[in-house]
N, C-alpha and C. Protein backbone atom coordinates (compact mmCIF):
# COMPACT_ATOMS: atom_id res chain seq x y z
N MET A 1 7.68 1.47 11.41
CA MET A 1 8.26 2.56 11.19
C MET A 1 7.98 3.29 10.28
N ALA A 2 7.99 4.41 9.65
CA ALA A 2 7.89 5.32 8.19
C ALA A 2 9.59 5.59 7.76
N LYS A 3 9.60 5.36 6.58
CA LYS A 3 10.62 6.36 5.58
C LYS A 3 9.89 6.94 5.30
N ASN A 4 11.00 8.30 5.27
CA ASN A 4 10.80 9.62 4.18
C ASN A 4 11.72 9.35 2.99
N ILE A 5 10.84 9.56 2.10
CA ILE A 5 11.78 9.38 0.52
C ILE A 5 11.72 10.85 -0.02
N TYR A 6 12.94 11.23 -0.60
CA TYR A 6 12.70 12.13 -1.04
C TYR A 6 13.12 11.75 -2.52
N VAL A 7 11.99 12.57 -3.87
CA VAL A 7 12.16 12.39 -4.92
C VAL A 7 12.47 14.24 -5.83
N GLY A 8 13.46 13.33 -6.45
CA GLY A 8 13.43 14.93 -7.34
C GLY A 8 13.60 14.98 -8.89
N ASN A 9 13.51 15.80 -9.62
CA ASN A 9 13.72 16.05 -10.98
C ASN A 9 12.34 15.29 -11.43
N LEU A 10 11.29 15.75 -11.05
CA LEU A 10 9.31 15.56 -10.82
C LEU A 10 9.26 16.46 -12.26
N PRO A 11 8.87 16.12 -13.35
CA PRO A 11 8.03 17.25 -14.23
C PRO A 11 6.90 18.23 -13.04
N TRP A 12 7.11 19.42 -13.82
CA TRP A 12 5.87 19.91 -13.31
C TRP A 12 4.29 20.09 -13.09
N SER A 13 4.20 18.63 -14.18
CA SER A 13 2.81 18.71 -14.41
C SER A 13 2.59 17.27 -13.48
N SER A 14 3.43 16.73 -12.48
CA SER A 14 3.11 15.71 -11.83
C SER A 14 2.17 16.50 -10.81
N THR A 15 1.10 15.05 -10.48
CA THR A 15 0.42 15.36 -9.61
C THR A 15 0.81 14.43 -8.20
N GLU A 16 0.44 14.63 -7.29
CA GLU A 16 0.36 13.76 -5.88
C GLU A 16 -0.25 12.28 -6.05
N ASP A 17 -1.71 12.27 -6.78
CA ASP A 17 -2.53 11.17 -7.38
C ASP A 17 -0.80 10.01 -8.02
N GLU A 18 -0.15 10.88 -8.79
CA GLU A 18 0.71 10.27 -9.74
C GLU A 18 1.79 9.52 -9.39
N VAL A 19 2.26 10.43 -8.32
CA VAL A 19 3.08 9.87 -7.56
C VAL A 19 3.20 9.03 -6.46
N ARG A 20 1.90 8.93 -5.81
CA ARG A 20 1.43 8.09 -5.19
C ARG A 20 1.03 6.32 -5.73
N ASP A 21 0.83 6.61 -6.87
CA ASP A 21 0.20 5.93 -7.78
C ASP A 21 2.02 5.01 -8.21
N ALA A 22 3.17 5.44 -8.60
CA ALA A 22 4.23 5.23 -8.71
C ALA A 22 4.83 4.05 -7.54
N PHE A 23 4.58 4.64 -6.08
CA PHE A 23 5.07 4.20 -5.20
C PHE A 23 4.41 2.86 -4.31
N SER A 24 3.38 3.00 -4.50
CA SER A 24 2.17 2.66 -3.95
C SER A 24 2.25 1.01 -4.69
N GLN A 25 3.17 0.38 -5.41
CA GLN A 25 2.82 -0.69 -6.08
C GLN A 25 4.46 -1.33 -5.37
N PHE A 26 4.81 -0.74 -4.77
CA PHE A 26 5.95 -1.28 -3.23
C PHE A 26 5.49 -1.38 -2.25
N GLY A 27 4.49 -0.68 -1.41
CA GLY A 27 4.00 -0.73 -0.06
C GLY A 27 3.08 0.34 -0.07
N GLU A 28 2.12 0.52 0.88
CA GLU A 28 1.71 1.13 2.09
C GLU A 28 2.43 2.88 1.59
N VAL A 29 1.54 3.52 1.29
CA VAL A 29 2.15 4.85 0.96
C VAL A 29 1.46 5.79 2.10
N TYR A 30 1.78 6.26 3.06
CA TYR A 30 1.61 7.12 4.14
C TYR A 30 0.80 8.52 3.72
N SER A 31 1.75 8.94 3.19
CA SER A 31 1.59 10.45 2.50
C SER A 31 2.50 10.96 1.56
N VAL A 32 2.05 11.67 0.84
CA VAL A 32 2.97 12.58 -0.31
C VAL A 32 2.53 13.68 -0.13
N LYS A 33 3.89 14.22 -0.83
CA LYS A 33 4.00 15.70 -0.57
C LYS A 33 4.85 16.42 -1.52
N LEU A 34 4.25 17.20 -2.69
CA LEU A 34 4.78 17.74 -3.83
C LEU A 34 5.21 19.22 -3.08
N ILE A 35 6.27 19.97 -3.58
CA ILE A 35 6.84 21.28 -3.01
C ILE A 35 6.90 22.44 -3.54
N GLU A 36 5.97 23.04 -3.52
CA GLU A 36 5.52 24.36 -4.30
C GLU A 36 6.31 25.95 -3.88
N ASP A 37 6.94 26.48 -4.88
CA ASP A 37 7.10 27.75 -4.66
C ASP A 37 6.34 28.83 -3.69
N ARG A 38 6.72 28.72 -2.74
CA ARG A 38 6.07 29.87 -1.91
C ARG A 38 5.67 31.15 -2.17
N GLU A 39 6.09 31.79 -3.58
CA GLU A 39 5.42 33.13 -4.11
C GLU A 39 4.95 33.14 -5.01
N THR A 40 5.05 31.84 -5.90
CA THR A 40 4.37 31.62 -7.20
C THR A 40 3.21 30.70 -6.98
N GLY A 41 3.48 29.49 -5.94
CA GLY A 41 2.42 28.90 -6.22
C GLY A 41 2.86 27.58 -7.26
N ARG A 42 3.88 27.53 -8.10
CA ARG A 42 4.13 26.78 -8.93
C ARG A 42 5.26 25.83 -8.41
N PRO A 43 4.94 23.90 -9.25
CA PRO A 43 5.66 23.37 -8.68
C PRO A 43 6.72 23.47 -8.74
N ARG A 44 7.72 23.06 -7.82
CA ARG A 44 9.55 22.80 -7.25
C ARG A 44 9.81 22.17 -8.07
N GLY A 45 9.19 20.67 -8.81
CA GLY A 45 10.12 19.95 -9.28
C GLY A 45 10.59 18.72 -8.60
N PHE A 46 9.98 18.83 -6.81
CA PHE A 46 10.55 17.60 -6.08
C PHE A 46 9.53 17.40 -5.34
N GLY A 47 9.72 16.29 -3.83
CA GLY A 47 8.66 15.89 -3.01
C GLY A 47 9.34 14.90 -2.37
N PHE A 48 7.97 14.92 -1.56
CA PHE A 48 8.81 13.65 -0.27
C PHE A 48 7.65 12.67 0.08
N VAL A 49 7.62 11.51 -0.32
CA VAL A 49 6.83 10.17 0.03
C VAL A 49 7.30 9.38 1.43
N GLU A 50 5.98 9.46 2.28
CA GLU A 50 6.24 8.69 3.25
C GLU A 50 5.81 7.31 3.09
N MET A 51 5.97 6.14 3.64
CA MET A 51 5.68 5.21 3.65
C MET A 51 6.76 3.71 4.00
N GLU A 52 5.91 2.89 4.27
CA GLU A 52 6.54 2.15 5.16
C GLU A 52 7.93 1.47 4.84
N ASP A 53 8.39 0.94 5.87
CA ASP A 53 9.85 0.80 5.75
C ASP A 53 10.25 -0.11 4.45
N GLN A 54 9.80 -1.80 4.57
CA GLN A 54 10.67 -2.68 3.12
C GLN A 54 9.85 -1.95 1.89
N GLY A 55 8.78 -1.43 2.24
CA GLY A 55 8.24 -0.98 0.35
C GLY A 55 9.29 -0.28 0.10
N ALA A 56 9.33 0.93 1.48
CA ALA A 56 10.24 2.51 0.95
C ALA A 56 11.97 1.88 0.44
N LEU A 57 12.39 0.75 0.54
CA LEU A 57 13.99 0.46 0.35
C LEU A 57 13.21 -0.24 -1.06
N GLU A 58 12.02 -0.99 -1.48
CA GLU A 58 12.44 -1.34 -2.40
C GLU A 58 12.04 -0.75 -3.52
N ALA A 59 11.30 0.65 -3.18
CA ALA A 59 11.10 1.73 -4.21
C ALA A 59 12.01 2.33 -4.32
N ILE A 60 12.79 2.80 -3.41
CA ILE A 60 13.98 3.72 -3.87
C ILE A 60 15.11 3.14 -4.40
N ASP A 61 15.52 1.68 -4.40
CA ASP A 61 16.34 0.63 -5.41
C ASP A 61 15.40 0.89 -6.98
N SER A 62 14.58 0.30 -6.98
CA SER A 62 13.37 0.33 -8.48
C SER A 62 13.48 1.50 -9.28
N LEU A 63 13.13 2.96 -8.25
CA LEU A 63 12.16 4.16 -8.92
C LEU A 63 13.47 4.82 -8.93
N ASN A 64 14.34 5.28 -8.52
CA ASN A 64 16.02 5.99 -8.81
C ASN A 64 15.81 5.73 -10.45
N ASP A 65 16.33 7.04 -10.49
CA ASP A 65 16.88 7.10 -12.43
C ASP A 65 15.77 6.44 -13.20
N SER A 66 14.96 6.34 -12.91
CA SER A 66 13.90 5.58 -13.64
C SER A 66 13.30 6.94 -14.08
N ASP A 67 12.48 6.79 -15.45
CA ASP A 67 11.81 7.36 -16.12
C ASP A 67 10.43 7.76 -15.56
N PHE A 68 9.52 8.74 -15.63
CA PHE A 68 8.70 9.15 -14.71
C PHE A 68 7.76 10.81 -15.55
N GLY A 69 7.32 10.66 -16.60
CA GLY A 69 6.92 11.49 -17.49
C GLY A 69 8.00 12.39 -18.00
N GLY A 70 8.62 11.50 -18.28
CA GLY A 70 9.83 11.99 -19.75
C GLY A 70 10.75 12.60 -18.87
N ARG A 71 11.23 12.22 -17.45
CA ARG A 71 12.30 13.06 -17.01
C ARG A 71 12.86 11.69 -16.12
N ASN A 72 13.73 11.39 -15.87
CA ASN A 72 14.91 10.30 -14.91
C ASN A 72 14.40 11.07 -13.64
N ILE A 73 14.22 10.21 -12.47
CA ILE A 73 13.07 10.88 -11.14
C ILE A 73 15.11 10.32 -10.64
N LYS A 74 15.27 11.17 -9.63
CA LYS A 74 16.06 10.89 -8.22
C LYS A 74 15.20 10.40 -7.30
N VAL A 75 15.29 9.48 -6.50
CA VAL A 75 14.85 8.96 -5.50
C VAL A 75 15.84 8.39 -5.02
N ASN A 76 15.70 8.89 -3.06
CA ASN A 76 16.83 8.59 -2.28
C ASN A 76 16.03 8.74 -0.55
N GLU A 77 16.71 7.87 0.05
CA GLU A 77 16.00 8.71 1.52
C GLU A 77 16.36 9.79 1.92
N ALA A 78 15.23 10.36 2.36
CA ALA A 78 15.44 11.92 2.56
C ALA A 78 16.41 11.61 4.22
N ARG A 79 17.12 12.91 3.53
CA ARG A 79 17.99 13.73 4.94
C ARG A 79 16.86 14.17 5.94
N PRO A 80 17.47 14.40 7.42
CA PRO A 80 17.03 15.22 7.91
C PRO A 80 16.61 16.83 7.74
N ARG A 81 16.06 17.73 8.21
CA ARG A 81 16.43 18.88 7.50
C ARG A 81 16.94 19.37 8.43
N THR A 82 17.73 20.25 7.74
CA THR A 82 18.85 20.88 8.94
C THR A 82 18.13 23.03 9.04
N GLU A 83 18.11 23.57 10.57
CA GLU A 83 17.60 24.60 10.56
C GLU A 83 18.60 25.57 9.51
N ARG A 84 17.47 26.89 9.08
CA ARG A 84 18.34 27.39 7.88
C ARG A 84 17.92 28.81 8.65
N ARG A 85 18.87 29.81 8.07
CA ARG A 85 18.84 30.83 8.94
C ARG A 85 18.06 31.86 7.74
N PRO A 86 17.27 32.34 9.56
CA PRO A 86 16.19 33.36 7.84
C PRO A 86 16.70 34.81 7.45
N ARG A 87 15.53 34.84 6.51
CA ARG A 87 16.27 35.62 5.28
C ARG A 87 15.92 36.73 5.72
N TRP A 88 17.02 38.00 5.60
CA TRP A 88 16.90 39.31 6.21
C TRP A 88 16.90 39.89 5.04
């Protein structure tokens, strides 16, 4: 089973490879997705990491509120996405 992890307060200069490296010390990382602004294409400072269950729990415990690129990142289990109303 895989867990989806939310990673927030990332430096805008962060790359998917840097995030993957940080999390891979705790287990196999299946995917990393850093979120960008739809209109500008600039990073929004958060993303998601999907990895195996046990490693995910260890990564959350170890990396939450730790220094990453000069910022204290927030790491927790991602909540399911809720339906959003269309913007009209």
